[in-house]
Amino acid sequence: MNERCVTQTDPDQWRHIVYAACFRETSLHFPLVWDFNIQYVDALNVTRFYANRQDTKIDIPGDGQGVVDVYWAGEIIARASGEKQVSLTLAIGNVYHIHITTADGKVHKQTVRL
């Protein structure tokens, strides 16, 4: 990871945000450096994923393997597979919706707040 993303970002100052372009409509626009007036590229503020992170363990129900999908702001942001448990790095101060698909095809849903 780029150290500047940790030390020189501010999720509350538009010029110091780490943006991620988004295909769905959002309330935030990606600032295009050649023309700040263009507002048709929607974005998400992902600064906290760089500056305020935490390793998070997610248990997989049962004794088998599973696939863990993590959603934030309606977007899938992480996917991991494992047996009994997976470890992901997530941003503190956010709510995540977790979908765990176990080997038997069942989907287990949970909400995690860091």
PDB file of N, CA and C in Angstrom:
ATOM      1  N   MET A   1       0.836  -1.170   0.000  1.00  0.00           N
ATOM      2  CA  MET A   1       0.000   0.000   0.000  1.00  0.00           C
ATOM      3  C   MET A   1       0.887   1.242   0.000  1.00  0.00           C
ATOM      4  N   ASN A   2       0.396   2.283  -0.605  1.00  0.00           N
ATOM      5  CA  ASN A   2       1.108   3.543  -0.661  1.00  0.00           C
ATOM      6  C   ASN A   2       0.988   4.263   0.687  1.00  0.00           C
ATOM      7  N   GLU A   3       2.114   4.576   1.304  1.00  0.00           N
ATOM      8  CA  GLU A   3       2.125   5.237   2.615  1.00  0.00           C
ATOM      9  C   GLU A   3       1.408   6.585   2.578  1.00  0.00           C
ATOM     10  N   ARG A   4       1.427   7.268   1.444  1.00  0.00           N
ATOM     11  CA  ARG A   4       0.733   8.553   1.344  1.00  0.00           C
ATOM     12  C   ARG A   4      -0.768   8.398   1.555  1.00  0.00           C
ATOM     13  N   CYS A   5      -1.317   7.252   1.185  1.00  0.00           N
ATOM     14  CA  CYS A   5      -2.744   7.026   1.401  1.00  0.00           C
ATOM     15  C   CYS A   5      -3.080   6.978   2.888  1.00  0.00           C
ATOM     16  N   VAL A   6      -2.123   6.598   3.690  1.00  0.00           N
ATOM     17  CA  VAL A   6      -2.331   6.530   5.134  1.00  0.00           C
ATOM     18  C   VAL A   6      -2.110   7.889   5.780  1.00  0.00           C
ATOM     19  N   THR A   7      -1.079   8.595   5.364  1.00  0.00           N
ATOM     20  CA  THR A   7      -0.668   9.811   6.066  1.00  0.00           C
ATOM     21  C   THR A   7      -1.203  11.105   5.470  1.00  0.00           C
ATOM     22  N   GLN A   8      -1.616  11.117   4.206  1.00  0.00           N
ATOM     23  CA  GLN A   8      -1.978  12.380   3.573  1.00  0.00           C
ATOM     24  C   GLN A   8      -3.413  12.408   3.052  1.00  0.00           C
ATOM     25  N   THR A   9      -4.262  11.567   3.599  1.00  0.00           N
ATOM     26  CA  THR A   9      -5.663  11.571   3.189  1.00  0.00           C
ATOM     27  C   THR A   9      -6.531  12.105   4.312  1.00  0.00           C
ATOM     28  N   ASP A  10      -7.701  12.583   3.938  1.00  0.00           N
ATOM     29  CA  ASP A  10      -8.695  13.060   4.903  1.00  0.00           C
ATOM     30  C   ASP A  10     -10.064  12.744   4.311  1.00  0.00           C
ATOM     31  N   PRO A  11     -10.789  11.804   4.897  1.00  0.00           N
ATOM     32  CA  PRO A  11     -12.064  11.381   4.303  1.00  0.00           C
ATOM     33  C   PRO A  11     -13.135  12.464   4.306  1.00  0.00           C
ATOM     34  N   ASP A  12     -12.873  13.584   4.965  1.00  0.00           N
ATOM     35  CA  ASP A  12     -13.860  14.664   5.029  1.00  0.00           C
ATOM     36  C   ASP A  12     -13.500  15.866   4.158  1.00  0.00           C
ATOM     37  N   GLN A  13     -12.364  15.845   3.497  1.00  0.00           N
ATOM     38  CA  GLN A  13     -11.930  16.939   2.618  1.00  0.00           C
ATOM     39  C   GLN A  13     -11.858  16.422   1.186  1.00  0.00           C
ATOM     40  N   TRP A  14     -12.705  16.916   0.298  1.00  0.00           N
ATOM     41  CA  TRP A  14     -12.857  16.349  -1.035  1.00  0.00           C
ATOM     42  C   TRP A  14     -11.555  16.263  -1.814  1.00  0.00           C
ATOM     43  N   ARG A  15     -10.613  17.167  -1.585  1.00  0.00           N
ATOM     44  CA  ARG A  15      -9.344  17.131  -2.317  1.00  0.00           C
ATOM     45  C   ARG A  15      -8.377  16.076  -1.765  1.00  0.00           C
ATOM     46  N   HIS A  16      -8.704  15.501  -0.616  1.00  0.00           N
ATOM     47  CA  HIS A  16      -7.808  14.534   0.028  1.00  0.00           C
ATOM     48  C   HIS A  16      -8.480  13.183   0.246  1.00  0.00           C
ATOM     49  N   ILE A  17      -9.491  12.901  -0.558  1.00  0.00           N
ATOM     50  CA  ILE A  17     -10.227  11.640  -0.479  1.00  0.00           C
ATOM     51  C   ILE A  17      -9.645  10.651  -1.483  1.00  0.00           C
ATOM     52  N   VAL A  18      -9.693   9.371  -1.135  1.00  0.00           N
ATOM     53  CA  VAL A  18      -9.406   8.313  -2.105  1.00  0.00           C
ATOM     54  C   VAL A  18     -10.766   7.893  -2.666  1.00  0.00           C
ATOM     55  N   TYR A  19     -10.947   8.103  -3.953  1.00  0.00           N
ATOM     56  CA  TYR A  19     -12.213   7.814  -4.616  1.00  0.00           C
ATOM     57  C   TYR A  19     -12.154   6.477  -5.350  1.00  0.00           C
ATOM     58  N   ALA A  20     -13.302   5.833  -5.437  1.00  0.00           N
ATOM     59  CA  ALA A  20     -13.458   4.649  -6.282  1.00  0.00           C
ATOM     60  C   ALA A  20     -14.643   4.921  -7.194  1.00  0.00           C
ATOM     61  N   ALA A  21     -14.431   4.794  -8.496  1.00  0.00           N
ATOM     62  CA  ALA A  21     -15.528   4.987  -9.445  1.00  0.00           C
ATOM     63  C   ALA A  21     -16.582   3.914  -9.207  1.00  0.00           C
ATOM     64  N   CYS A  22     -17.824   4.272  -9.438  1.00  0.00           N
ATOM     65  CA  CYS A  22     -18.938   3.368  -9.164  1.00  0.00           C
ATOM     66  C   CYS A  22     -19.897   3.393 -10.348  1.00  0.00           C
ATOM     67  N   PHE A  23     -20.430   2.250 -10.742  1.00  0.00           N
ATOM     68  CA  PHE A  23     -21.338   2.178 -11.878  1.00  0.00           C
ATOM     69  C   PHE A  23     -22.776   2.516 -11.516  1.00  0.00           C
ATOM     70  N   ARG A  24     -23.101   2.517 -10.241  1.00  0.00           N
ATOM     71  CA  ARG A  24     -24.461   2.900  -9.856  1.00  0.00           C
ATOM     72  C   ARG A  24     -24.453   4.352  -9.399  1.00  0.00           C
ATOM     73  N   GLU A  25     -25.614   4.959  -9.361  1.00  0.00           N
ATOM     74  CA  GLU A  25     -25.712   6.357  -8.962  1.00  0.00           C
ATOM     75  C   GLU A  25     -25.448   6.494  -7.464  1.00  0.00           C
ATOM     76  N   THR A  26     -24.597   7.454  -7.100  1.00  0.00           N
ATOM     77  CA  THR A  26     -24.304   7.749  -5.700  1.00  0.00           C
ATOM     78  C   THR A  26     -24.449   9.256  -5.487  1.00  0.00           C
ATOM     79  N   SER A  27     -24.309   9.690  -4.268  1.00  0.00           N
ATOM     80  CA  SER A  27     -24.389  11.126  -3.968  1.00  0.00           C
ATOM     81  C   SER A  27     -23.037  11.817  -4.107  1.00  0.00           C
ATOM     82  N   LEU A  28     -22.006  11.073  -4.481  1.00  0.00           N
ATOM     83  CA  LEU A  28     -20.653  11.618  -4.598  1.00  0.00           C
ATOM     84  C   LEU A  28     -20.192  11.490  -6.046  1.00  0.00           C
ATOM     85  N   HIS A  29     -19.519  12.509  -6.532  1.00  0.00           N
ATOM     86  CA  HIS A  29     -19.003  12.486  -7.899  1.00  0.00           C
ATOM     87  C   HIS A  29     -17.489  12.403  -7.885  1.00  0.00           C
ATOM     88  N   PHE A  30     -16.945  11.631  -8.802  1.00  0.00           N
ATOM     89  CA  PHE A  30     -15.499  11.467  -8.947  1.00  0.00           C
ATOM     90  C   PHE A  30     -14.951  12.758  -9.573  1.00  0.00           C
ATOM     91  N   PRO A  31     -14.063  13.458  -8.868  1.00  0.00           N
ATOM     92  CA  PRO A  31     -13.534  14.711  -9.437  1.00  0.00           C
ATOM     93  C   PRO A  31     -12.521  14.413 -10.547  1.00  0.00           C
ATOM     94  N   LEU A  32     -12.861  14.821 -11.745  1.00  0.00           N
ATOM     95  CA  LEU A  32     -11.975  14.607 -12.886  1.00  0.00           C
ATOM     96  C   LEU A  32     -11.049  15.821 -12.989  1.00  0.00           C
ATOM     97  N   VAL A  33      -9.759  15.592 -12.872  1.00  0.00           N
ATOM     98  CA  VAL A  33      -8.801  16.695 -12.732  1.00  0.00           C
ATOM     99  C   VAL A  33      -8.789  17.639 -13.927  1.00  0.00           C
ATOM    100  N   TRP A  34      -9.199  17.184 -15.095  1.00  0.00           N
ATOM    101  CA  TRP A  34      -9.187  18.058 -16.264  1.00  0.00           C
ATOM    102  C   TRP A  34     -10.428  18.951 -16.321  1.00  0.00           C
ATOM    103  N   ASP A  35     -11.455  18.618 -15.507  1.00  0.00           N
ATOM    104  CA  ASP A  35     -12.653  19.459 -15.461  1.00  0.00           C
ATOM    105  C   ASP A  35     -13.468  19.094 -14.221  1.00  0.00           C
ATOM    106  N   PHE A  36     -13.301  19.860 -13.151  1.00  0.00           N
ATOM    107  CA  PHE A  36     -13.993  19.586 -11.886  1.00  0.00           C
ATOM    108  C   PHE A  36     -15.507  19.774 -11.994  1.00  0.00           C
ATOM    109  N   ASN A  37     -15.982  20.388 -13.066  1.00  0.00           N
ATOM    110  CA  ASN A  37     -17.417  20.599 -13.243  1.00  0.00           C
ATOM    111  C   ASN A  37     -18.132  19.363 -13.776  1.00  0.00           C
ATOM    112  N   ILE A  38     -17.405  18.403 -14.308  1.00  0.00           N
ATOM    113  CA  ILE A  38     -18.018  17.170 -14.798  1.00  0.00           C
ATOM    114  C   ILE A  38     -18.503  16.356 -13.598  1.00  0.00           C
ATOM    115  N   GLN A  39     -19.769  15.972 -13.620  1.00  0.00           N
ATOM    116  CA  GLN A  39     -20.338  15.254 -12.477  1.00  0.00           C
ATOM    117  C   GLN A  39     -21.086  13.998 -12.877  1.00  0.00           C
ATOM    118  N   TYR A  40     -20.752  13.404 -13.998  1.00  0.00           N
ATOM    119  CA  TYR A  40     -21.462  12.203 -14.426  1.00  0.00           C
ATOM    120  C   TYR A  40     -20.750  10.906 -14.060  1.00  0.00           C
ATOM    121  N   VAL A  41     -19.593  10.997 -13.389  1.00  0.00           N
ATOM    122  CA  VAL A  41     -18.897   9.797 -12.927  1.00  0.00           C
ATOM    123  C   VAL A  41     -19.151   9.676 -11.423  1.00  0.00           C
ATOM    124  N   ASP A  42     -19.988   8.721 -11.049  1.00  0.00           N
ATOM    125  CA  ASP A  42     -20.303   8.520  -9.632  1.00  0.00           C
ATOM    126  C   ASP A  42     -19.139   7.837  -8.934  1.00  0.00           C
ATOM    127  N   ALA A  43     -19.065   8.033  -7.610  1.00  0.00           N
ATOM    128  CA  ALA A  43     -17.925   7.520  -6.854  1.00  0.00           C
ATOM    129  C   ALA A  43     -18.333   7.144  -5.440  1.00  0.00           C
ATOM    130  N   LEU A  44     -17.445   6.405  -4.808  1.00  0.00           N
ATOM    131  CA  LEU A  44     -17.532   6.090  -3.377  1.00  0.00           C
ATOM    132  C   LEU A  44     -16.285   6.632  -2.701  1.00  0.00           C
ATOM    133  N   ASN A  45     -16.427   7.080  -1.472  1.00  0.00           N
ATOM    134  CA  ASN A  45     -15.298   7.539  -0.669  1.00  0.00           C
ATOM    135  C   ASN A  45     -14.728   6.316   0.057  1.00  0.00           C
ATOM    136  N   VAL A  46     -13.556   5.855  -0.373  1.00  0.00           N
ATOM    137  CA  VAL A  46     -12.946   4.654   0.198  1.00  0.00           C
ATOM    138  C   VAL A  46     -11.704   4.981   1.037  1.00  0.00           C
ATOM    139  N   THR A  47     -11.563   6.221   1.437  1.00  0.00           N
ATOM    140  CA  THR A  47     -10.387   6.661   2.186  1.00  0.00           C
ATOM    141  C   THR A  47     -10.169   5.834   3.441  1.00  0.00           C
ATOM    142  N   ARG A  48     -11.211   5.542   4.164  1.00  0.00           N
ATOM    143  CA  ARG A  48     -11.079   4.802   5.432  1.00  0.00           C
ATOM    144  C   ARG A  48     -10.500   3.403   5.233  1.00  0.00           C
ATOM    145  N   PHE A  49     -10.623   2.853   4.040  1.00  0.00           N
ATOM    146  CA  PHE A  49     -10.065   1.530   3.772  1.00  0.00           C
ATOM    147  C   PHE A  49      -8.540   1.568   3.698  1.00  0.00           C
ATOM    148  N   TYR A  50      -7.988   2.749   3.552  1.00  0.00           N
ATOM    149  CA  TYR A  50      -6.542   2.915   3.520  1.00  0.00           C
ATOM    150  C   TYR A  50      -5.998   3.431   4.841  1.00  0.00           C
ATOM    151  N   ALA A  51      -6.739   4.306   5.496  1.00  0.00           N
ATOM    152  CA  ALA A  51      -6.205   5.021   6.651  1.00  0.00           C
ATOM    153  C   ALA A  51      -6.585   4.422   7.997  1.00  0.00           C
ATOM    154  N   ASN A  52      -7.651   3.666   8.087  1.00  0.00           N
ATOM    155  CA  ASN A  52      -8.149   3.213   9.385  1.00  0.00           C
ATOM    156  C   ASN A  52      -8.621   1.768   9.256  1.00  0.00           C
ATOM    157  N   ARG A  53      -7.687   0.834   9.204  1.00  0.00           N
ATOM    158  CA  ARG A  53      -8.000  -0.557   8.885  1.00  0.00           C
ATOM    159  C   ARG A  53      -7.832  -1.477  10.089  1.00  0.00           C
ATOM    160  N   GLN A  54      -8.485  -2.621   9.995  1.00  0.00           N
ATOM    161  CA  GLN A  54      -8.381  -3.610  11.062  1.00  0.00           C
ATOM    162  C   GLN A  54      -8.520  -5.009  10.461  1.00  0.00           C
ATOM    163  N   ASP A  55      -7.660  -5.922  10.877  1.00  0.00           N
ATOM    164  CA  ASP A  55      -7.810  -7.321  10.475  1.00  0.00           C
ATOM    165  C   ASP A  55      -9.026  -7.889  11.195  1.00  0.00           C
ATOM    166  N   THR A  56      -9.898  -8.519  10.448  1.00  0.00           N
ATOM    167  CA  THR A  56     -11.165  -9.013  10.980  1.00  0.00           C
ATOM    168  C   THR A  56     -11.330 -10.479  10.613  1.00  0.00           C
ATOM    169  N   LYS A  57     -11.641 -11.294  11.596  1.00  0.00           N
ATOM    170  CA  LYS A  57     -11.856 -12.721  11.367  1.00  0.00           C
ATOM    171  C   LYS A  57     -13.357 -12.986  11.287  1.00  0.00           C
ATOM    172  N   ILE A  58     -13.745 -13.752  10.275  1.00  0.00           N
ATOM    173  CA  ILE A  58     -15.141 -14.101  10.076  1.00  0.00           C
ATOM    174  C   ILE A  58     -15.256 -15.616  10.113  1.00  0.00           C
ATOM    175  N   ASP A  59     -16.073 -16.104  11.031  1.00  0.00           N
ATOM    176  CA  ASP A  59     -16.261 -17.542  11.187  1.00  0.00           C
ATOM    177  C   ASP A  59     -17.214 -18.075  10.129  1.00  0.00           C
ATOM    178  N   ILE A  60     -16.891 -19.244   9.596  1.00  0.00           N
ATOM    179  CA  ILE A  60     -17.743 -19.929   8.635  1.00  0.00           C
ATOM    180  C   ILE A  60     -18.553 -20.973   9.405  1.00  0.00           C
ATOM    181  N   PRO A  61     -19.880 -20.912   9.319  1.00  0.00           N
ATOM    182  CA  PRO A  61     -20.710 -21.851  10.078  1.00  0.00           C
ATOM    183  C   PRO A  61     -20.456 -23.304   9.678  1.00  0.00           C
ATOM    184  N   GLY A  62     -20.637 -24.193  10.622  1.00  0.00           N
ATOM    185  CA  GLY A  62     -20.457 -25.620  10.366  1.00  0.00           C
ATOM    186  C   GLY A  62     -18.986 -25.994  10.358  1.00  0.00           C
ATOM    187  N   ASP A  63     -18.714 -27.167   9.875  1.00  0.00           N
ATOM    188  CA  ASP A  63     -17.347 -27.674   9.889  1.00  0.00           C
ATOM    189  C   ASP A  63     -16.675 -27.637   8.521  1.00  0.00           C
ATOM    190  N   GLY A  64     -17.407 -27.176   7.513  1.00  0.00           N
ATOM    191  CA  GLY A  64     -16.865 -27.242   6.159  1.00  0.00           C
ATOM    192  C   GLY A  64     -16.298 -25.936   5.660  1.00  0.00           C
ATOM    193  N   GLN A  65     -16.104 -25.933   4.363  1.00  0.00           N
ATOM    194  CA  GLN A  65     -15.574 -24.755   3.710  1.00  0.00           C
ATOM    195  C   GLN A  65     -16.702 -23.813   3.324  1.00  0.00           C
ATOM    196  N   GLY A  66     -16.306 -22.574   3.040  1.00  0.00           N
ATOM    197  CA  GLY A  66     -17.299 -21.604   2.622  1.00  0.00           C
ATOM    198  C   GLY A  66     -16.663 -20.436   1.899  1.00  0.00           C
ATOM    199  N   VAL A  67     -17.527 -19.645   1.273  1.00  0.00           N
ATOM    200  CA  VAL A  67     -17.107 -18.433   0.590  1.00  0.00           C
ATOM    201  C   VAL A  67     -17.761 -17.255   1.301  1.00  0.00           C
ATOM    202  N   VAL A  68     -16.951 -16.263   1.645  1.00  0.00           N
ATOM    203  CA  VAL A  68     -17.425 -15.089   2.359  1.00  0.00           C
ATOM    204  C   VAL A  68     -17.420 -13.901   1.407  1.00  0.00           C
ATOM    205  N   ASP A  69     -18.586 -13.272   1.234  1.00  0.00           N
ATOM    206  CA  ASP A  69     -18.707 -12.045   0.451  1.00  0.00           C
ATOM    207  C   ASP A  69     -19.014 -10.907   1.412  1.00  0.00           C
ATOM    208  N   VAL A  70     -18.275  -9.810   1.281  1.00  0.00           N
ATOM    209  CA  VAL A  70     -18.450  -8.652   2.162  1.00  0.00           C
ATOM    210  C   VAL A  70     -18.978  -7.490   1.329  1.00  0.00           C
ATOM    211  N   TYR A  71     -20.100  -6.902   1.773  1.00  0.00           N
ATOM    212  CA  TYR A  71     -20.717  -5.774   1.093  1.00  0.00           C
ATOM    213  C   TYR A  71     -20.608  -4.526   1.963  1.00  0.00           C
ATOM    214  N   TRP A  72     -20.318  -3.417   1.325  1.00  0.00           N
ATOM    215  CA  TRP A  72     -20.278  -2.103   1.981  1.00  0.00           C
ATOM    216  C   TRP A  72     -20.898  -1.102   1.012  1.00  0.00           C
ATOM    217  N   ALA A  73     -21.811  -0.292   1.494  1.00  0.00           N
ATOM    218  CA  ALA A  73     -22.484   0.723   0.676  1.00  0.00           C
ATOM    219  C   ALA A  73     -23.113   0.098  -0.572  1.00  0.00           C
ATOM    220  N   GLY A  74     -23.625  -1.111  -0.432  1.00  0.00           N
ATOM    221  CA  GLY A  74     -24.295  -1.781  -1.532  1.00  0.00           C
ATOM    222  C   GLY A  74     -23.382  -2.411  -2.566  1.00  0.00           C
ATOM    223  N   GLU A  75     -22.082  -2.358  -2.343  1.00  0.00           N
ATOM    224  CA  GLU A  75     -21.104  -2.898  -3.286  1.00  0.00           C
ATOM    225  C   GLU A  75     -20.337  -4.042  -2.638  1.00  0.00           C
ATOM    226  N   ILE A  76     -20.026  -5.064  -3.403  1.00  0.00           N
ATOM    227  CA  ILE A  76     -19.177  -6.127  -2.879  1.00  0.00           C
ATOM    228  C   ILE A  76     -17.741  -5.601  -2.868  1.00  0.00           C
ATOM    229  N   ILE A  77     -17.101  -5.686  -1.709  1.00  0.00           N
ATOM    230  CA  ILE A  77     -15.745  -5.138  -1.602  1.00  0.00           C
ATOM    231  C   ILE A  77     -14.693  -6.201  -1.301  1.00  0.00           C
ATOM    232  N   ALA A  78     -15.139  -7.387  -0.915  1.00  0.00           N
ATOM    233  CA  ALA A  78     -14.162  -8.442  -0.611  1.00  0.00           C
ATOM    234  C   ALA A  78     -14.820  -9.798  -0.763  1.00  0.00           C
ATOM    235  N   ARG A  79     -13.994 -10.773  -1.153  1.00  0.00           N
ATOM    236  CA  ARG A  79     -14.434 -12.168  -1.235  1.00  0.00           C
ATOM    237  C   ARG A  79     -13.260 -13.028  -0.809  1.00  0.00           C
ATOM    238  N   ALA A  80     -13.542 -13.985   0.049  1.00  0.00           N
ATOM    239  CA  ALA A  80     -12.499 -14.908   0.497  1.00  0.00           C
ATOM    240  C   ALA A  80     -13.134 -16.262   0.735  1.00  0.00           C
ATOM    241  N   SER A  81     -12.349 -17.296   0.534  1.00  0.00           N
ATOM    242  CA  SER A  81     -12.839 -18.641   0.830  1.00  0.00           C
ATOM    243  C   SER A  81     -11.900 -19.275   1.842  1.00  0.00           C
ATOM    244  N   GLY A  82     -12.445 -20.190   2.599  1.00  0.00           N
ATOM    245  CA  GLY A  82     -11.627 -20.841   3.601  1.00  0.00           C
ATOM    246  C   GLY A  82     -12.385 -21.930   4.308  1.00  0.00           C
ATOM    247  N   GLU A  83     -11.727 -22.479   5.291  1.00  0.00           N
ATOM    248  CA  GLU A  83     -12.315 -23.532   6.102  1.00  0.00           C
ATOM    249  C   GLU A  83     -12.383 -23.048   7.537  1.00  0.00           C
ATOM    250  N   LYS A  84     -13.576 -23.004   8.078  1.00  0.00           N
ATOM    251  CA  LYS A  84     -13.873 -22.589   9.444  1.00  0.00           C
ATOM    252  C   LYS A  84     -13.774 -21.085   9.671  1.00  0.00           C
ATOM    253  N   GLN A  85     -12.814 -20.387   9.020  1.00  0.00           N
ATOM    254  CA  GLN A  85     -12.641 -18.965   9.287  1.00  0.00           C
ATOM    255  C   GLN A  85     -11.837 -18.310   8.162  1.00  0.00           C
ATOM    256  N   VAL A  86     -12.159 -17.039   7.876  1.00  0.00           N
ATOM    257  CA  VAL A  86     -11.346 -16.256   6.946  1.00  0.00           C
ATOM    258  C   VAL A  86     -10.937 -14.968   7.655  1.00  0.00           C
ATOM    259  N   SER A  87      -9.850 -14.387   7.198  1.00  0.00           N
ATOM    260  CA  SER A  87      -9.356 -13.132   7.754  1.00  0.00           C
ATOM    261  C   SER A  87      -9.323 -12.091   6.645  1.00  0.00           C
ATOM    262  N   LEU A  88      -9.934 -10.942   6.894  1.00  0.00           N
ATOM    263  CA  LEU A  88      -9.986  -9.846   5.930  1.00  0.00           C
ATOM    264  C   LEU A  88      -9.605  -8.547   6.621  1.00  0.00           C
ATOM    265  N   THR A  89      -9.050  -7.621   5.868  1.00  0.00           N
ATOM    266  CA  THR A  89      -8.741  -6.300   6.394  1.00  0.00           C
ATOM    267  C   THR A  89      -9.860  -5.361   5.979  1.00  0.00           C
ATOM    268  N   LEU A  90     -10.568  -4.805   6.978  1.00  0.00           N
ATOM    269  CA  LEU A  90     -11.703  -3.927   6.733  1.00  0.00           C
ATOM    270  C   LEU A  90     -11.490  -2.594   7.444  1.00  0.00           C
ATOM    271  N   ALA A  91     -12.202  -1.589   7.004  1.00  0.00           N
ATOM    272  CA  ALA A  91     -12.073  -0.255   7.587  1.00  0.00           C
ATOM    273  C   ALA A  91     -12.917  -0.130   8.846  1.00  0.00           C
ATOM    274  N   ILE A  92     -12.341   0.481   9.853  1.00  0.00           N
ATOM    275  CA  ILE A  92     -13.034   0.740  11.110  1.00  0.00           C
ATOM    276  C   ILE A  92     -14.046   1.866  10.890  1.00  0.00           C
ATOM    277  N   GLY A  93     -15.157   1.795  11.603  1.00  0.00           N
ATOM    278  CA  GLY A  93     -16.161   2.848  11.530  1.00  0.00           C
ATOM    279  C   GLY A  93     -17.209   2.627  10.455  1.00  0.00           C
ATOM    280  N   ASN A  94     -17.322   1.403   9.969  1.00  0.00           N
ATOM    281  CA  ASN A  94     -18.279   1.098   8.911  1.00  0.00           C
ATOM    282  C   ASN A  94     -19.127  -0.108   9.277  1.00  0.00           C
ATOM    283  N   VAL A  95     -20.245  -0.239   8.586  1.00  0.00           N
ATOM    284  CA  VAL A  95     -21.130  -1.390   8.739  1.00  0.00           C
ATOM    285  C   VAL A  95     -20.993  -2.236   7.480  1.00  0.00           C
ATOM    286  N   TYR A  96     -20.809  -3.534   7.668  1.00  0.00           N
ATOM    287  CA  TYR A  96     -20.641  -4.468   6.561  1.00  0.00           C
ATOM    288  C   TYR A  96     -21.734  -5.528   6.621  1.00  0.00           C
ATOM    289  N   HIS A  97     -22.213  -5.913   5.451  1.00  0.00           N
ATOM    290  CA  HIS A  97     -23.160  -7.015   5.344  1.00  0.00           C
ATOM    291  C   HIS A  97     -22.381  -8.207   4.796  1.00  0.00           C
ATOM    292  N   ILE A  98     -22.396  -9.282   5.555  1.00  0.00           N
ATOM    293  CA  ILE A  98     -21.610 -10.469   5.245  1.00  0.00           C
ATOM    294  C   ILE A  98     -22.546 -11.569   4.755  1.00  0.00           C
ATOM    295  N   HIS A  99     -22.212 -12.162   3.617  1.00  0.00           N
ATOM    296  CA  HIS A  99     -22.940 -13.329   3.098  1.00  0.00           C
ATOM    297  C   HIS A  99     -21.943 -14.480   3.033  1.00  0.00           C
ATOM    298  N   ILE A 100     -22.237 -15.536   3.771  1.00  0.00           N
ATOM    299  CA  ILE A 100     -21.362 -16.709   3.805  1.00  0.00           C
ATOM    300  C   ILE A 100     -22.099 -17.869   3.140  1.00  0.00           C
ATOM    301  N   THR A 101     -21.544 -18.362   2.043  1.00  0.00           N
ATOM    302  CA  THR A 101     -22.129 -19.511   1.349  1.00  0.00           C
ATOM    303  C   THR A 101     -21.326 -20.741   1.744  1.00  0.00           C
ATOM    304  N   THR A 102     -21.974 -21.670   2.418  1.00  0.00           N
ATOM    305  CA  THR A 102     -21.299 -22.882   2.867  1.00  0.00           C
ATOM    306  C   THR A 102     -21.368 -23.956   1.781  1.00  0.00           C
ATOM    307  N   ALA A 103     -20.620 -25.014   1.982  1.00  0.00           N
ATOM    308  CA  ALA A 103     -20.501 -26.071   0.978  1.00  0.00           C
ATOM    309  C   ALA A 103     -21.843 -26.701   0.619  1.00  0.00           C
ATOM    310  N   ASP A 104     -22.803 -26.656   1.526  1.00  0.00           N
ATOM    311  CA  ASP A 104     -24.128 -27.232   1.249  1.00  0.00           C
ATOM    312  C   ASP A 104     -25.028 -26.270   0.467  1.00  0.00           C
ATOM    313  N   GLY A 105     -24.496 -25.088   0.090  1.00  0.00           N
ATOM    314  CA  GLY A 105     -25.241 -24.121  -0.711  1.00  0.00           C
ATOM    315  C   GLY A 105     -26.061 -23.135   0.085  1.00  0.00           C
ATOM    316  N   LYS A 106     -26.090 -23.259   1.398  1.00  0.00           N
ATOM    317  CA  LYS A 106     -26.848 -22.328   2.234  1.00  0.00           C
ATOM    318  C   LYS A 106     -26.100 -21.006   2.357  1.00  0.00           C
ATOM    319  N   VAL A 107     -26.873 -19.916   2.382  1.00  0.00           N
ATOM    320  CA  VAL A 107     -26.296 -18.589   2.553  1.00  0.00           C
ATOM    321  C   VAL A 107     -26.652 -18.094   3.945  1.00  0.00           C
ATOM    322  N   HIS A 108     -25.628 -17.776   4.718  1.00  0.00           N
ATOM    323  CA  HIS A 108     -25.788 -17.256   6.070  1.00  0.00           C
ATOM    324  C   HIS A 108     -25.446 -15.777   6.025  1.00  0.00           C
ATOM    325  N   LYS A 109     -26.348 -14.941   6.541  1.00  0.00           N
ATOM    326  CA  LYS A 109     -26.141 -13.489   6.499  1.00  0.00           C
ATOM    327  C   LYS A 109     -25.920 -12.952   7.894  1.00  0.00           C
ATOM    328  N   GLN A 110     -25.018 -11.975   7.965  1.00  0.00           N
ATOM    329  CA  GLN A 110     -24.783 -11.288   9.233  1.00  0.00           C
ATOM    330  C   GLN A 110     -24.338  -9.866   8.945  1.00  0.00           C
ATOM    331  N   THR A 111     -24.467  -9.029   9.942  1.00  0.00           N
ATOM    332  CA  THR A 111     -24.017  -7.644   9.848  1.00  0.00           C
ATOM    333  C   THR A 111     -22.899  -7.448  10.845  1.00  0.00           C
ATOM    334  N   VAL A 112     -21.822  -6.799  10.408  1.00  0.00           N
ATOM    335  CA  VAL A 112     -20.664  -6.544  11.267  1.00  0.00           C
ATOM    336  C   VAL A 112     -20.422  -5.040  11.292  1.00  0.00           C
ATOM    337  N   ARG A 113     -20.263  -4.502  12.489  1.00  0.00           N
ATOM    338  CA  ARG A 113     -19.946  -3.087  12.664  1.00  0.00           C
ATOM    339  C   ARG A 113     -18.573  -3.003  13.319  1.00  0.00           C
ATOM    340  N   LEU A 114     -17.655  -2.321  12.657  1.00  0.00           N
ATOM    341  CA  LEU A 114     -16.296  -2.169  13.223  1.00  0.00           C
ATOM    342  C   LEU A 114     -16.113  -0.777  13.771  1.00  0.00           C
TER     343      LEU A 114
END
